[in-house]
Amino acid sequence: MKAGSDAVSLFLRQQLLESLESRLLPIRPDYCSSRMADVGCGYGYWLQNFVDMSFPSSQVFGLDGDLARLRDSSARPDASNVICGDARHLPWPTRTFDMVSQFTVFSSVLLSSDREQISREMLRVLKPGGLVIWYDFFAPNLRNRKTRAIGKRELMTLFPGCPIQIQRVTLAPPLARLALRISHRLARTLGTISLLCTHYLALITCPGPTAVL
């Protein structure tokens, strides 16, 4: 059976979700009082995932610069918490959130000055000891010239002075596609081999007295 692009995308997203949950649970087992924001939330896929992970929907916020995406409410848990805006100038007050996430946003920002500004804004709206959840690719995407891979050195430069835990995740999509044609089990096994993965999942701690990492 040929694995279509939807099946590959679903598999990779599920693998990422499992990796994220396994990383978060030991350090934040109770999300009931956590407030979080997803920068570049798009259609709201990760907003809903965070609610499914027991973040209260009233405490989950999102921002995206594409108004057309935000108008599609199919995947948003609370539309009133979603804002159209510029990630370089986040609309929230300083020290508002316990966690701030970005999923493949930075790789779509081509200017280094813009990436630096976004990272400063993410730290600004975090409480001391809060977490940046980072997911982005470090391997160049040769099919999309409008993106730029973010390596470990740049990641550390973007968040200077912040403790960072980095894990390589996400089986390279061409390999995932081939493996899924054989079996789901094979794809899952290959996904545990870091050399075959193309993205970083990082937990970045905002400096402060209540740091959790």
N, C-alpha and C. Protein backbone atom coordinates (compact mmCIF):
# COMPACT_ATOMS: atom_id res chain seq x y z
N MET A 1 0.83 -1.18 0.00
CA MET A 1 0.00 0.00 0.00
C MET A 1 0.88 1.25 0.00
N LYS A 2 0.61 2.17 -0.88
CA LYS A 2 1.39 3.39 -1.00
C LYS A 2 0.94 4.39 0.06
N ALA A 3 1.90 4.92 0.79
CA ALA A 3 1.59 5.89 1.83
C ALA A 3 1.50 7.27 1.20
N GLY A 4 0.36 7.92 1.30
CA GLY A 4 0.18 9.25 0.74
C GLY A 4 0.78 10.31 1.64
N SER A 5 0.82 11.52 1.12
CA SER A 5 1.42 12.62 1.89
C SER A 5 0.66 12.88 3.19
N ASP A 6 -0.66 12.69 3.18
CA ASP A 6 -1.45 12.89 4.40
C ASP A 6 -1.07 11.89 5.47
N ALA A 7 -0.85 10.65 5.06
CA ALA A 7 -0.48 9.61 6.01
C ALA A 7 0.90 9.89 6.60
N VAL A 8 1.82 10.36 5.77
CA VAL A 8 3.17 10.68 6.25
C VAL A 8 3.10 11.85 7.23
N SER A 9 2.35 12.89 6.87
CA SER A 9 2.22 14.05 7.74
C SER A 9 1.60 13.67 9.08
N LEU A 10 0.56 12.85 9.05
CA LEU A 10 -0.09 12.42 10.28
C LEU A 10 0.87 11.62 11.16
N PHE A 11 1.63 10.73 10.55
CA PHE A 11 2.60 9.92 11.28
C PHE A 11 3.65 10.80 11.95
N LEU A 12 4.22 11.75 11.20
CA LEU A 12 5.28 12.59 11.73
C LEU A 12 4.75 13.51 12.83
N ARG A 13 3.53 14.01 12.67
CA ARG A 13 2.95 14.85 13.71
C ARG A 13 2.70 14.07 14.99
N GLN A 14 2.23 12.84 14.84
CA GLN A 14 1.97 12.02 16.01
C GLN A 14 3.27 11.69 16.74
N GLN A 15 4.32 11.41 15.96
CA GLN A 15 5.62 11.13 16.58
C GLN A 15 6.14 12.35 17.33
N LEU A 16 5.97 13.53 16.74
CA LEU A 16 6.41 14.74 17.41
C LEU A 16 5.61 14.98 18.68
N LEU A 17 4.32 14.78 18.63
CA LEU A 17 3.48 14.97 19.82
C LEU A 17 3.91 14.04 20.94
N GLU A 18 4.20 12.79 20.62
CA GLU A 18 4.65 11.85 21.63
C GLU A 18 5.98 12.28 22.24
N SER A 19 6.89 12.76 21.39
CA SER A 19 8.19 13.23 21.88
C SER A 19 8.02 14.43 22.79
N LEU A 20 7.15 15.35 22.41
CA LEU A 20 6.94 16.55 23.21
C LEU A 20 6.32 16.20 24.56
N GLU A 21 5.32 15.35 24.56
CA GLU A 21 4.67 14.97 25.82
C GLU A 21 5.66 14.28 26.74
N SER A 22 6.50 13.41 26.18
CA SER A 22 7.46 12.69 27.02
C SER A 22 8.50 13.62 27.61
N ARG A 23 8.78 14.74 26.93
CA ARG A 23 9.74 15.71 27.45
C ARG A 23 9.12 16.62 28.49
N LEU A 24 7.86 16.98 28.29
CA LEU A 24 7.21 17.93 29.18
C LEU A 24 6.74 17.32 30.49
N LEU A 25 6.23 16.09 30.43
CA LEU A 25 5.60 15.51 31.62
C LEU A 25 6.51 15.45 32.84
N PRO A 26 7.80 15.10 32.69
CA PRO A 26 8.63 15.04 33.91
C PRO A 26 8.84 16.39 34.57
N ILE A 27 8.76 17.48 33.80
CA ILE A 27 9.05 18.78 34.38
C ILE A 27 7.81 19.64 34.61
N ARG A 28 6.73 19.35 33.88
CA ARG A 28 5.47 20.07 34.06
C ARG A 28 4.30 19.08 34.07
N PRO A 29 4.22 18.26 35.11
CA PRO A 29 3.18 17.22 35.13
C PRO A 29 1.76 17.77 35.25
N ASP A 30 1.62 18.99 35.73
CA ASP A 30 0.29 19.56 35.92
C ASP A 30 0.21 20.88 35.14
N TYR A 31 -0.57 20.85 34.06
CA TYR A 31 -0.69 22.04 33.22
C TYR A 31 -1.87 22.93 33.63
N CYS A 32 -2.59 22.56 34.66
CA CYS A 32 -3.86 23.22 34.98
C CYS A 32 -3.72 24.72 35.21
N SER A 33 -2.58 25.15 35.72
CA SER A 33 -2.39 26.58 35.99
C SER A 33 -1.46 27.25 34.98
N SER A 34 -1.11 26.54 33.91
CA SER A 34 -0.15 27.08 32.95
C SER A 34 -0.84 27.92 31.89
N ARG A 35 -0.20 29.01 31.54
CA ARG A 35 -0.66 29.85 30.43
C ARG A 35 0.38 29.75 29.32
N MET A 36 -0.07 29.52 28.10
CA MET A 36 0.88 29.29 27.03
C MET A 36 0.45 30.00 25.76
N ALA A 37 1.44 30.31 24.91
CA ALA A 37 1.19 30.97 23.63
C ALA A 37 1.96 30.27 22.54
N ASP A 38 1.31 30.11 21.39
CA ASP A 38 1.96 29.53 20.22
C ASP A 38 2.16 30.64 19.19
N VAL A 39 3.41 30.92 18.88
CA VAL A 39 3.76 31.98 17.94
C VAL A 39 3.81 31.38 16.54
N GLY A 40 3.00 31.92 15.64
CA GLY A 40 2.87 31.34 14.30
C GLY A 40 1.91 30.17 14.33
N CYS A 41 0.77 30.36 14.95
CA CYS A 41 -0.15 29.24 15.23
C CYS A 41 -0.89 28.72 14.01
N GLY A 42 -0.89 29.49 12.90
CA GLY A 42 -1.54 29.01 11.69
C GLY A 42 -3.02 28.70 11.91
N TYR A 43 -3.41 27.49 11.48
CA TYR A 43 -4.81 27.08 11.61
C TYR A 43 -5.16 26.62 13.02
N GLY A 44 -4.19 26.53 13.90
CA GLY A 44 -4.48 26.18 15.29
C GLY A 44 -4.24 24.74 15.66
N TYR A 45 -3.51 24.01 14.82
CA TYR A 45 -3.26 22.59 15.09
C TYR A 45 -2.64 22.38 16.48
N TRP A 46 -1.60 23.16 16.78
CA TRP A 46 -0.92 22.96 18.06
C TRP A 46 -1.69 23.58 19.22
N LEU A 47 -2.48 24.59 18.95
CA LEU A 47 -3.34 25.11 20.02
C LEU A 47 -4.25 24.00 20.54
N GLN A 48 -4.86 23.27 19.62
CA GLN A 48 -5.75 22.18 20.02
C GLN A 48 -4.98 21.06 20.71
N ASN A 49 -3.77 20.78 20.22
CA ASN A 49 -2.98 19.74 20.87
C ASN A 49 -2.65 20.11 22.31
N PHE A 50 -2.33 21.37 22.56
CA PHE A 50 -2.03 21.78 23.93
C PHE A 50 -3.26 21.65 24.83
N VAL A 51 -4.42 21.97 24.30
CA VAL A 51 -5.65 21.77 25.07
C VAL A 51 -5.85 20.28 25.35
N ASP A 52 -5.60 19.45 24.35
CA ASP A 52 -5.72 18.00 24.54
C ASP A 52 -4.73 17.48 25.57
N MET A 53 -3.61 18.20 25.75
CA MET A 53 -2.61 17.81 26.74
C MET A 53 -2.94 18.37 28.12
N SER A 54 -4.15 18.92 28.28
CA SER A 54 -4.69 19.39 29.56
C SER A 54 -4.35 20.83 29.89
N PHE A 55 -3.80 21.60 28.95
CA PHE A 55 -3.75 23.03 29.16
C PHE A 55 -5.19 23.55 29.11
N PRO A 56 -5.60 24.41 30.03
CA PRO A 56 -6.96 24.97 29.97
C PRO A 56 -7.11 25.82 28.71
N SER A 57 -8.20 25.63 27.98
CA SER A 57 -8.38 26.32 26.71
C SER A 57 -8.38 27.84 26.88
N SER A 58 -8.86 28.33 28.03
CA SER A 58 -8.88 29.78 28.25
C SER A 58 -7.50 30.36 28.46
N GLN A 59 -6.49 29.48 28.68
CA GLN A 59 -5.13 29.92 28.93
C GLN A 59 -4.19 29.62 27.77
N VAL A 60 -4.75 29.21 26.64
CA VAL A 60 -3.96 28.91 25.45
C VAL A 60 -4.18 30.01 24.43
N PHE A 61 -3.10 30.69 24.02
CA PHE A 61 -3.18 31.83 23.13
C PHE A 61 -2.37 31.56 21.86
N GLY A 62 -2.72 32.27 20.80
CA GLY A 62 -2.00 32.09 19.55
C GLY A 62 -1.88 33.39 18.79
N LEU A 63 -0.84 33.45 17.96
CA LEU A 63 -0.62 34.60 17.09
C LEU A 63 -0.13 34.12 15.74
N ASP A 64 -0.65 34.73 14.68
CA ASP A 64 -0.18 34.43 13.34
C ASP A 64 -0.35 35.67 12.47
N GLY A 65 0.52 35.81 11.49
CA GLY A 65 0.45 36.96 10.61
C GLY A 65 -0.45 36.78 9.41
N ASP A 66 -0.98 35.57 9.22
CA ASP A 66 -1.82 35.27 8.06
C ASP A 66 -3.28 35.28 8.50
N LEU A 67 -3.98 36.33 8.14
CA LEU A 67 -5.38 36.47 8.57
C LEU A 67 -6.27 35.39 7.98
N ALA A 68 -5.97 34.95 6.76
CA ALA A 68 -6.78 33.92 6.12
C ALA A 68 -6.75 32.63 6.93
N ARG A 69 -5.59 32.29 7.48
CA ARG A 69 -5.51 31.09 8.31
C ARG A 69 -6.31 31.25 9.60
N LEU A 70 -6.22 32.41 10.17
CA LEU A 70 -6.91 32.64 11.44
C LEU A 70 -8.42 32.63 11.28
N ARG A 71 -8.90 32.94 10.11
CA ARG A 71 -10.35 32.94 9.88
C ARG A 71 -10.92 31.54 9.80
N ASP A 72 -10.05 30.55 9.61
CA ASP A 72 -10.49 29.17 9.61
C ASP A 72 -10.46 28.67 11.05
N SER A 73 -11.62 28.55 11.66
CA SER A 73 -11.69 28.23 13.09
C SER A 73 -11.81 26.74 13.39
N SER A 74 -11.57 25.91 12.38
CA SER A 74 -11.83 24.47 12.55
C SER A 74 -10.97 23.83 13.62
N ALA A 75 -9.77 24.37 13.87
CA ALA A 75 -8.85 23.71 14.80
C ALA A 75 -8.49 24.58 15.99
N ARG A 76 -9.25 25.64 16.24
CA ARG A 76 -8.91 26.54 17.32
C ARG A 76 -9.80 26.30 18.53
N PRO A 77 -9.22 26.11 19.70
CA PRO A 77 -10.03 25.84 20.89
C PRO A 77 -10.74 27.07 21.41
N ASP A 78 -10.18 28.26 21.24
CA ASP A 78 -10.80 29.47 21.77
C ASP A 78 -10.41 30.63 20.86
N ALA A 79 -11.31 30.98 19.93
CA ALA A 79 -10.99 31.98 18.91
C ALA A 79 -10.67 33.34 19.52
N SER A 80 -11.22 33.64 20.67
CA SER A 80 -11.00 34.96 21.27
C SER A 80 -9.56 35.15 21.72
N ASN A 81 -8.81 34.05 21.86
CA ASN A 81 -7.42 34.12 22.30
C ASN A 81 -6.43 34.15 21.15
N VAL A 82 -6.91 34.18 19.92
CA VAL A 82 -6.05 34.13 18.74
C VAL A 82 -5.99 35.50 18.10
N ILE A 83 -4.77 35.97 17.84
CA ILE A 83 -4.55 37.33 17.37
C ILE A 83 -3.78 37.31 16.05
N CYS A 84 -4.15 38.20 15.14
CA CYS A 84 -3.36 38.41 13.93
C CYS A 84 -2.33 39.49 14.25
N GLY A 85 -1.06 39.18 14.09
CA GLY A 85 -0.04 40.15 14.45
C GLY A 85 1.34 39.75 13.97
N ASP A 86 2.31 40.54 14.35
CA ASP A 86 3.70 40.40 13.94
C ASP A 86 4.49 39.77 15.08
N ALA A 87 5.14 38.65 14.79
CA ALA A 87 5.90 37.95 15.83
C ALA A 87 7.09 38.76 16.33
N ARG A 88 7.50 39.75 15.56
CA ARG A 88 8.61 40.61 16.01
C ARG A 88 8.16 41.59 17.09
N HIS A 89 6.86 41.74 17.23
CA HIS A 89 6.31 42.67 18.21
C HIS A 89 5.09 42.00 18.85
N LEU A 90 5.33 41.07 19.74
CA LEU A 90 4.23 40.33 20.35
C LEU A 90 3.34 41.26 21.16
N PRO A 91 2.02 41.07 21.09
CA PRO A 91 1.09 42.01 21.69
C PRO A 91 0.86 41.83 23.18
N TRP A 92 1.53 40.86 23.78
CA TRP A 92 1.25 40.55 25.18
C TRP A 92 2.23 41.25 26.12
N PRO A 93 1.81 41.50 27.35
CA PRO A 93 2.70 42.16 28.32
C PRO A 93 3.89 41.27 28.69
N THR A 94 4.90 41.89 29.24
CA THR A 94 6.08 41.18 29.72
C THR A 94 5.69 40.20 30.83
N ARG A 95 6.33 39.02 30.80
CA ARG A 95 6.14 37.98 31.83
C ARG A 95 4.69 37.53 31.94
N THR A 96 4.10 37.22 30.81
CA THR A 96 2.70 36.80 30.77
C THR A 96 2.54 35.29 30.81
N PHE A 97 3.47 34.54 30.19
CA PHE A 97 3.26 33.12 29.92
C PHE A 97 4.23 32.22 30.65
N ASP A 98 3.75 31.01 30.92
CA ASP A 98 4.60 29.95 31.46
C ASP A 98 5.36 29.23 30.34
N MET A 99 4.76 29.18 29.17
CA MET A 99 5.39 28.55 28.01
C MET A 99 5.04 29.32 26.75
N VAL A 100 6.00 29.36 25.83
CA VAL A 100 5.79 29.94 24.50
C VAL A 100 6.38 28.96 23.49
N SER A 101 5.63 28.67 22.44
CA SER A 101 6.08 27.67 21.47
C SER A 101 6.22 28.27 20.09
N GLN A 102 7.06 27.60 19.28
CA GLN A 102 7.13 27.90 17.85
C GLN A 102 7.41 26.59 17.13
N PHE A 103 6.65 26.37 16.09
CA PHE A 103 6.79 25.17 15.28
C PHE A 103 7.07 25.60 13.83
N THR A 104 8.30 25.41 13.40
CA THR A 104 8.78 25.74 12.04
C THR A 104 8.43 27.16 11.62
N VAL A 105 8.55 28.08 12.56
CA VAL A 105 8.39 29.50 12.25
C VAL A 105 9.72 30.14 11.88
N PHE A 106 10.73 29.92 12.70
CA PHE A 106 12.01 30.58 12.48
C PHE A 106 12.64 30.22 11.14
N SER A 107 12.43 29.00 10.69
CA SER A 107 13.01 28.59 9.41
C SER A 107 12.36 29.30 8.23
N SER A 108 11.22 29.94 8.46
CA SER A 108 10.55 30.70 7.41
C SER A 108 10.88 32.19 7.48
N VAL A 109 11.69 32.57 8.46
CA VAL A 109 12.10 33.96 8.63
C VAL A 109 13.53 34.08 8.09
N LEU A 110 13.71 34.75 6.98
CA LEU A 110 14.99 34.73 6.28
C LEU A 110 16.01 35.72 6.83
N LEU A 111 15.56 36.82 7.40
CA LEU A 111 16.49 37.82 7.92
C LEU A 111 16.92 37.48 9.34
N SER A 112 18.23 37.45 9.59
CA SER A 112 18.72 37.12 10.92
C SER A 112 18.27 38.15 11.95
N SER A 113 18.16 39.41 11.55
CA SER A 113 17.71 40.45 12.49
C SER A 113 16.28 40.20 12.94
N ASP A 114 15.44 39.69 12.03
CA ASP A 114 14.05 39.37 12.40
C ASP A 114 14.00 38.17 13.34
N ARG A 115 14.81 37.16 13.07
CA ARG A 115 14.83 35.99 13.95
C ARG A 115 15.27 36.39 15.36
N GLU A 116 16.27 37.26 15.44
CA GLU A 116 16.75 37.72 16.74
C GLU A 116 15.67 38.50 17.48
N GLN A 117 14.93 39.32 16.75
CA GLN A 117 13.87 40.10 17.37
C GLN A 117 12.75 39.21 17.90
N ILE A 118 12.39 38.19 17.12
CA ILE A 118 11.33 37.26 17.55
C ILE A 118 11.76 36.51 18.80
N SER A 119 13.00 36.05 18.83
CA SER A 119 13.47 35.30 20.01
C SER A 119 13.48 36.20 21.24
N ARG A 120 13.86 37.45 21.08
CA ARG A 120 13.83 38.38 22.24
C ARG A 120 12.41 38.59 22.73
N GLU A 121 11.47 38.70 21.81
CA GLU A 121 10.08 38.88 22.18
C GLU A 121 9.53 37.65 22.89
N MET A 122 9.90 36.46 22.44
CA MET A 122 9.44 35.24 23.11
C MET A 122 9.92 35.19 24.55
N LEU A 123 11.18 35.57 24.75
CA LEU A 123 11.70 35.59 26.12
C LEU A 123 11.05 36.69 26.94
N ARG A 124 10.76 37.80 26.31
CA ARG A 124 10.15 38.92 27.04
C ARG A 124 8.81 38.55 27.65
N VAL A 125 7.99 37.83 26.89
CA VAL A 125 6.64 37.52 27.39
C VAL A 125 6.61 36.29 28.30
N LEU A 126 7.76 35.63 28.47
CA LEU A 126 7.84 34.49 29.37
C LEU A 126 8.11 34.93 30.81
N LYS A 127 7.53 34.19 31.74
CA LYS A 127 7.87 34.38 33.14
C LYS A 127 9.25 33.80 33.40
N PRO A 128 9.98 34.30 34.41
CA PRO A 128 11.26 33.69 34.76
C PRO A 128 11.08 32.20 35.05
N GLY A 129 11.92 31.39 34.47
CA GLY A 129 11.79 29.95 34.63
C GLY A 129 10.86 29.30 33.65
N GLY A 130 10.20 30.11 32.80
CA GLY A 130 9.29 29.56 31.81
C GLY A 130 10.04 28.90 30.66
N LEU A 131 9.28 28.25 29.78
CA LEU A 131 9.88 27.46 28.71
C LEU A 131 9.52 27.99 27.34
N VAL A 132 10.51 27.99 26.46
CA VAL A 132 10.27 28.09 25.03
C VAL A 132 10.29 26.68 24.47
N ILE A 133 9.21 26.29 23.82
CA ILE A 133 9.16 25.01 23.12
C ILE A 133 9.52 25.29 21.66
N TRP A 134 10.62 24.74 21.22
CA TRP A 134 11.16 25.03 19.88
C TRP A 134 11.12 23.76 19.03
N TYR A 135 10.54 23.88 17.84
CA TYR A 135 10.59 22.77 16.90
C TYR A 135 10.85 23.36 15.52
N ASP A 136 11.98 22.97 14.93
CA ASP A 136 12.32 23.48 13.60
C ASP A 136 13.38 22.60 12.98
N PHE A 137 13.55 22.72 11.68
CA PHE A 137 14.49 21.82 11.02
C PHE A 137 15.89 22.43 10.93
N PHE A 138 16.86 21.54 11.07
CA PHE A 138 18.26 21.94 10.95
C PHE A 138 18.88 21.46 9.64
N ALA A 139 18.18 20.56 8.95
CA ALA A 139 18.65 20.07 7.65
C ALA A 139 18.02 20.92 6.55
N PRO A 140 18.79 21.40 5.59
CA PRO A 140 18.23 22.26 4.53
C PRO A 140 17.09 21.58 3.78
N ASN A 141 16.06 22.36 3.50
CA ASN A 141 14.93 21.88 2.71
C ASN A 141 15.16 22.31 1.26
N LEU A 142 15.69 21.42 0.46
CA LEU A 142 16.06 21.76 -0.91
C LEU A 142 14.85 22.01 -1.80
N ARG A 143 13.68 21.58 -1.35
CA ARG A 143 12.46 21.78 -2.14
C ARG A 143 11.80 23.14 -1.88
N ASN A 144 12.27 23.82 -0.86
CA ASN A 144 11.66 25.10 -0.51
C ASN A 144 12.75 26.13 -0.26
N ARG A 145 13.02 26.95 -1.25
CA ARG A 145 14.08 27.95 -1.16
C ARG A 145 13.68 29.14 -0.28
N LYS A 146 12.43 29.17 0.14
CA LYS A 146 11.96 30.27 0.98
C LYS A 146 12.13 29.95 2.46
N THR A 147 12.86 28.91 2.76
CA THR A 147 13.13 28.55 4.15
C THR A 147 14.64 28.51 4.39
N ARG A 148 15.01 28.52 5.66
CA ARG A 148 16.41 28.50 6.05
C ARG A 148 16.57 27.63 7.28
N ALA A 149 17.40 26.61 7.18
CA ALA A 149 17.61 25.71 8.30
C ALA A 149 18.27 26.45 9.47
N ILE A 150 17.91 26.03 10.69
CA ILE A 150 18.46 26.63 11.91
C ILE A 150 19.29 25.58 12.63
N GLY A 151 20.59 25.79 12.68
CA GLY A 151 21.48 24.85 13.34
C GLY A 151 21.58 25.09 14.83
N LYS A 152 22.28 24.19 15.51
CA LYS A 152 22.40 24.27 16.96
C LYS A 152 23.12 25.54 17.40
N ARG A 153 24.16 25.91 16.66
CA ARG A 153 24.92 27.11 17.05
C ARG A 153 24.03 28.36 16.99
N GLU A 154 23.25 28.49 15.93
CA GLU A 154 22.37 29.65 15.82
C GLU A 154 21.28 29.62 16.89
N LEU A 155 20.77 28.44 17.18
CA LEU A 155 19.75 28.32 18.21
C LEU A 155 20.27 28.84 19.54
N MET A 156 21.50 28.49 19.87
CA MET A 156 22.09 28.95 21.13
C MET A 156 22.36 30.45 21.09
N THR A 157 22.68 30.98 19.90
CA THR A 157 22.90 32.42 19.77
C THR A 157 21.60 33.20 19.92
N LEU A 158 20.50 32.63 19.44
CA LEU A 158 19.21 33.29 19.54
C LEU A 158 18.72 33.40 20.98
N PHE A 159 19.14 32.45 21.82
CA PHE A 159 18.69 32.44 23.22
C PHE A 159 19.91 32.41 24.15
N PRO A 160 20.71 33.47 24.13
CA PRO A 160 21.94 33.47 24.92
C PRO A 160 21.66 33.43 26.42
N GLY A 161 22.48 32.65 27.11
CA GLY A 161 22.33 32.56 28.56
C GLY A 161 21.19 31.69 29.02
N CYS A 162 20.51 31.02 28.10
CA CYS A 162 19.37 30.16 28.45
C CYS A 162 19.79 28.70 28.44
N PRO A 163 19.49 27.95 29.50
CA PRO A 163 19.69 26.50 29.44
C PRO A 163 18.83 25.89 28.33
N ILE A 164 19.43 25.05 27.52
CA ILE A 164 18.73 24.46 26.38
C ILE A 164 18.93 22.95 26.37
N GLN A 165 17.85 22.21 26.26
CA GLN A 165 17.91 20.77 26.05
C GLN A 165 17.40 20.49 24.65
N ILE A 166 18.24 19.82 23.85
CA ILE A 166 17.93 19.62 22.43
C ILE A 166 17.86 18.13 22.13
N GLN A 167 16.85 17.76 21.36
CA GLN A 167 16.68 16.39 20.90
C GLN A 167 16.42 16.40 19.39
N ARG A 168 17.08 15.52 18.67
CA ARG A 168 16.81 15.38 17.24
C ARG A 168 15.58 14.50 17.07
N VAL A 169 14.61 15.00 16.31
CA VAL A 169 13.36 14.28 16.10
C VAL A 169 12.95 14.39 14.64
N THR A 170 11.91 13.69 14.28
CA THR A 170 11.25 13.70 12.96
C THR A 170 12.10 13.01 11.90
N LEU A 171 11.73 11.79 11.63
CA LEU A 171 12.34 11.02 10.56
C LEU A 171 12.21 11.80 9.25
N ALA A 172 13.29 11.85 8.49
CA ALA A 172 13.26 12.56 7.21
C ALA A 172 12.06 12.11 6.40
N PRO A 173 11.22 13.03 5.94
CA PRO A 173 9.97 12.65 5.26
C PRO A 173 10.12 11.66 4.11
N PRO A 174 11.15 11.77 3.26
CA PRO A 174 11.29 10.74 2.21
C PRO A 174 11.49 9.34 2.78
N LEU A 175 12.25 9.25 3.87
CA LEU A 175 12.44 7.94 4.52
C LEU A 175 11.15 7.48 5.18
N ALA A 176 10.44 8.40 5.80
CA ALA A 176 9.16 8.04 6.42
C ALA A 176 8.19 7.51 5.38
N ARG A 177 8.16 8.14 4.23
CA ARG A 177 7.26 7.72 3.16
C ARG A 177 7.59 6.29 2.71
N LEU A 178 8.87 6.02 2.53
CA LEU A 178 9.28 4.68 2.10
C LEU A 178 9.00 3.65 3.18
N ALA A 179 9.31 4.00 4.43
CA ALA A 179 9.12 3.05 5.53
C ALA A 179 7.65 2.72 5.74
N LEU A 180 6.78 3.71 5.62
CA LEU A 180 5.35 3.48 5.84
C LEU A 180 4.76 2.58 4.77
N ARG A 181 5.38 2.52 3.62
CA ARG A 181 4.91 1.59 2.59
C ARG A 181 5.12 0.14 3.03
N ILE A 182 6.09 -0.04 3.92
CA ILE A 182 6.38 -1.40 4.42
C ILE A 182 5.60 -1.68 5.69
N SER A 183 5.80 -0.82 6.69
CA SER A 183 5.05 -1.02 7.93
C SER A 183 5.19 0.20 8.83
N HIS A 184 4.18 0.39 9.65
CA HIS A 184 4.20 1.47 10.64
C HIS A 184 5.30 1.22 11.65
N ARG A 185 5.51 -0.02 11.99
CA ARG A 185 6.51 -0.38 12.99
C ARG A 185 7.91 0.00 12.51
N LEU A 186 8.20 -0.25 11.23
CA LEU A 186 9.50 0.11 10.68
C LEU A 186 9.70 1.62 10.73
N ALA A 187 8.67 2.38 10.38
CA ALA A 187 8.78 3.83 10.41
C ALA A 187 9.05 4.33 11.82
N ARG A 188 8.38 3.75 12.81
CA ARG A 188 8.59 4.15 14.20
C ARG A 188 10.01 3.82 14.65
N THR A 189 10.51 2.66 14.24
CA THR A 189 11.87 2.27 14.62
C THR A 189 12.89 3.21 14.02
N LEU A 190 12.75 3.51 12.74
CA LEU A 190 13.68 4.43 12.09
C LEU A 190 13.62 5.82 12.71
N GLY A 191 12.43 6.21 13.18
CA GLY A 191 12.27 7.51 13.79
C GLY A 191 13.01 7.68 15.10
N THR A 192 13.48 6.59 15.69
CA THR A 192 14.24 6.66 16.93
C THR A 192 15.74 6.81 16.68
N ILE A 193 16.14 6.74 15.42
CA ILE A 193 17.56 6.86 15.06
C ILE A 193 17.85 8.33 14.76
N SER A 194 18.58 8.99 15.63
CA SER A 194 18.74 10.44 15.53
C SER A 194 19.42 10.86 14.24
N LEU A 195 20.32 10.04 13.71
CA LEU A 195 21.02 10.40 12.47
C LEU A 195 20.07 10.49 11.28
N LEU A 196 18.90 9.91 11.39
CA LEU A 196 17.93 9.94 10.29
C LEU A 196 16.90 11.05 10.47
N CYS A 197 17.05 11.83 11.54
CA CYS A 197 16.07 12.87 11.84
C CYS A 197 16.54 14.24 11.35
N THR A 198 15.60 15.12 11.08
CA THR A 198 15.89 16.38 10.41
C THR A 198 15.54 17.62 11.22
N HIS A 199 14.93 17.47 12.40
CA HIS A 199 14.47 18.61 13.18
C HIS A 199 15.01 18.57 14.60
N TYR A 200 15.05 19.74 15.22
CA TYR A 200 15.35 19.84 16.64
C TYR A 200 14.07 20.11 17.41
N LEU A 201 13.89 19.37 18.48
CA LEU A 201 12.89 19.69 19.49
C LEU A 201 13.67 20.14 20.71
N ALA A 202 13.53 21.41 21.07
CA ALA A 202 14.31 21.95 22.17
C ALA A 202 13.40 22.56 23.22
N LEU A 203 13.81 22.42 24.47
CA LEU A 203 13.18 23.11 25.59
C LEU A 203 14.19 24.12 26.10
N ILE A 204 13.81 25.39 26.03
CA ILE A 204 14.70 26.50 26.34
C ILE A 204 14.14 27.21 27.57
N THR A 205 14.94 27.31 28.60
CA THR A 205 14.46 27.90 29.85
C THR A 205 14.80 29.37 29.93
N CYS A 206 13.79 30.19 30.18
CA CYS A 206 13.99 31.61 30.41
C CYS A 206 14.70 31.78 31.76
N PRO A 207 15.83 32.46 31.78
CA PRO A 207 16.57 32.58 33.05
C PRO A 207 15.70 33.17 34.15
N GLY A 208 15.87 32.61 35.33
CA GLY A 208 15.10 33.11 36.47
C GLY A 208 15.23 32.17 37.64
N PRO A 209 14.79 32.57 38.81
CA PRO A 209 14.98 31.76 40.03
C PRO A 209 14.15 30.50 40.07
N THR A 210 13.13 30.39 39.19
CA THR A 210 12.26 29.21 39.23
C THR A 210 12.49 28.32 38.03
N ALA A 211 13.69 28.33 37.47
CA ALA A 211 13.99 27.52 36.29
C ALA A 211 13.67 26.06 36.56
N VAL A 212 13.16 25.38 35.53
CA VAL A 212 12.68 24.01 35.72
C VAL A 212 13.60 22.99 35.09
N LEU A 213 14.61 23.37 34.36
CA LEU A 213 15.49 22.39 33.73
C LEU A 213 16.82 22.30 34.46
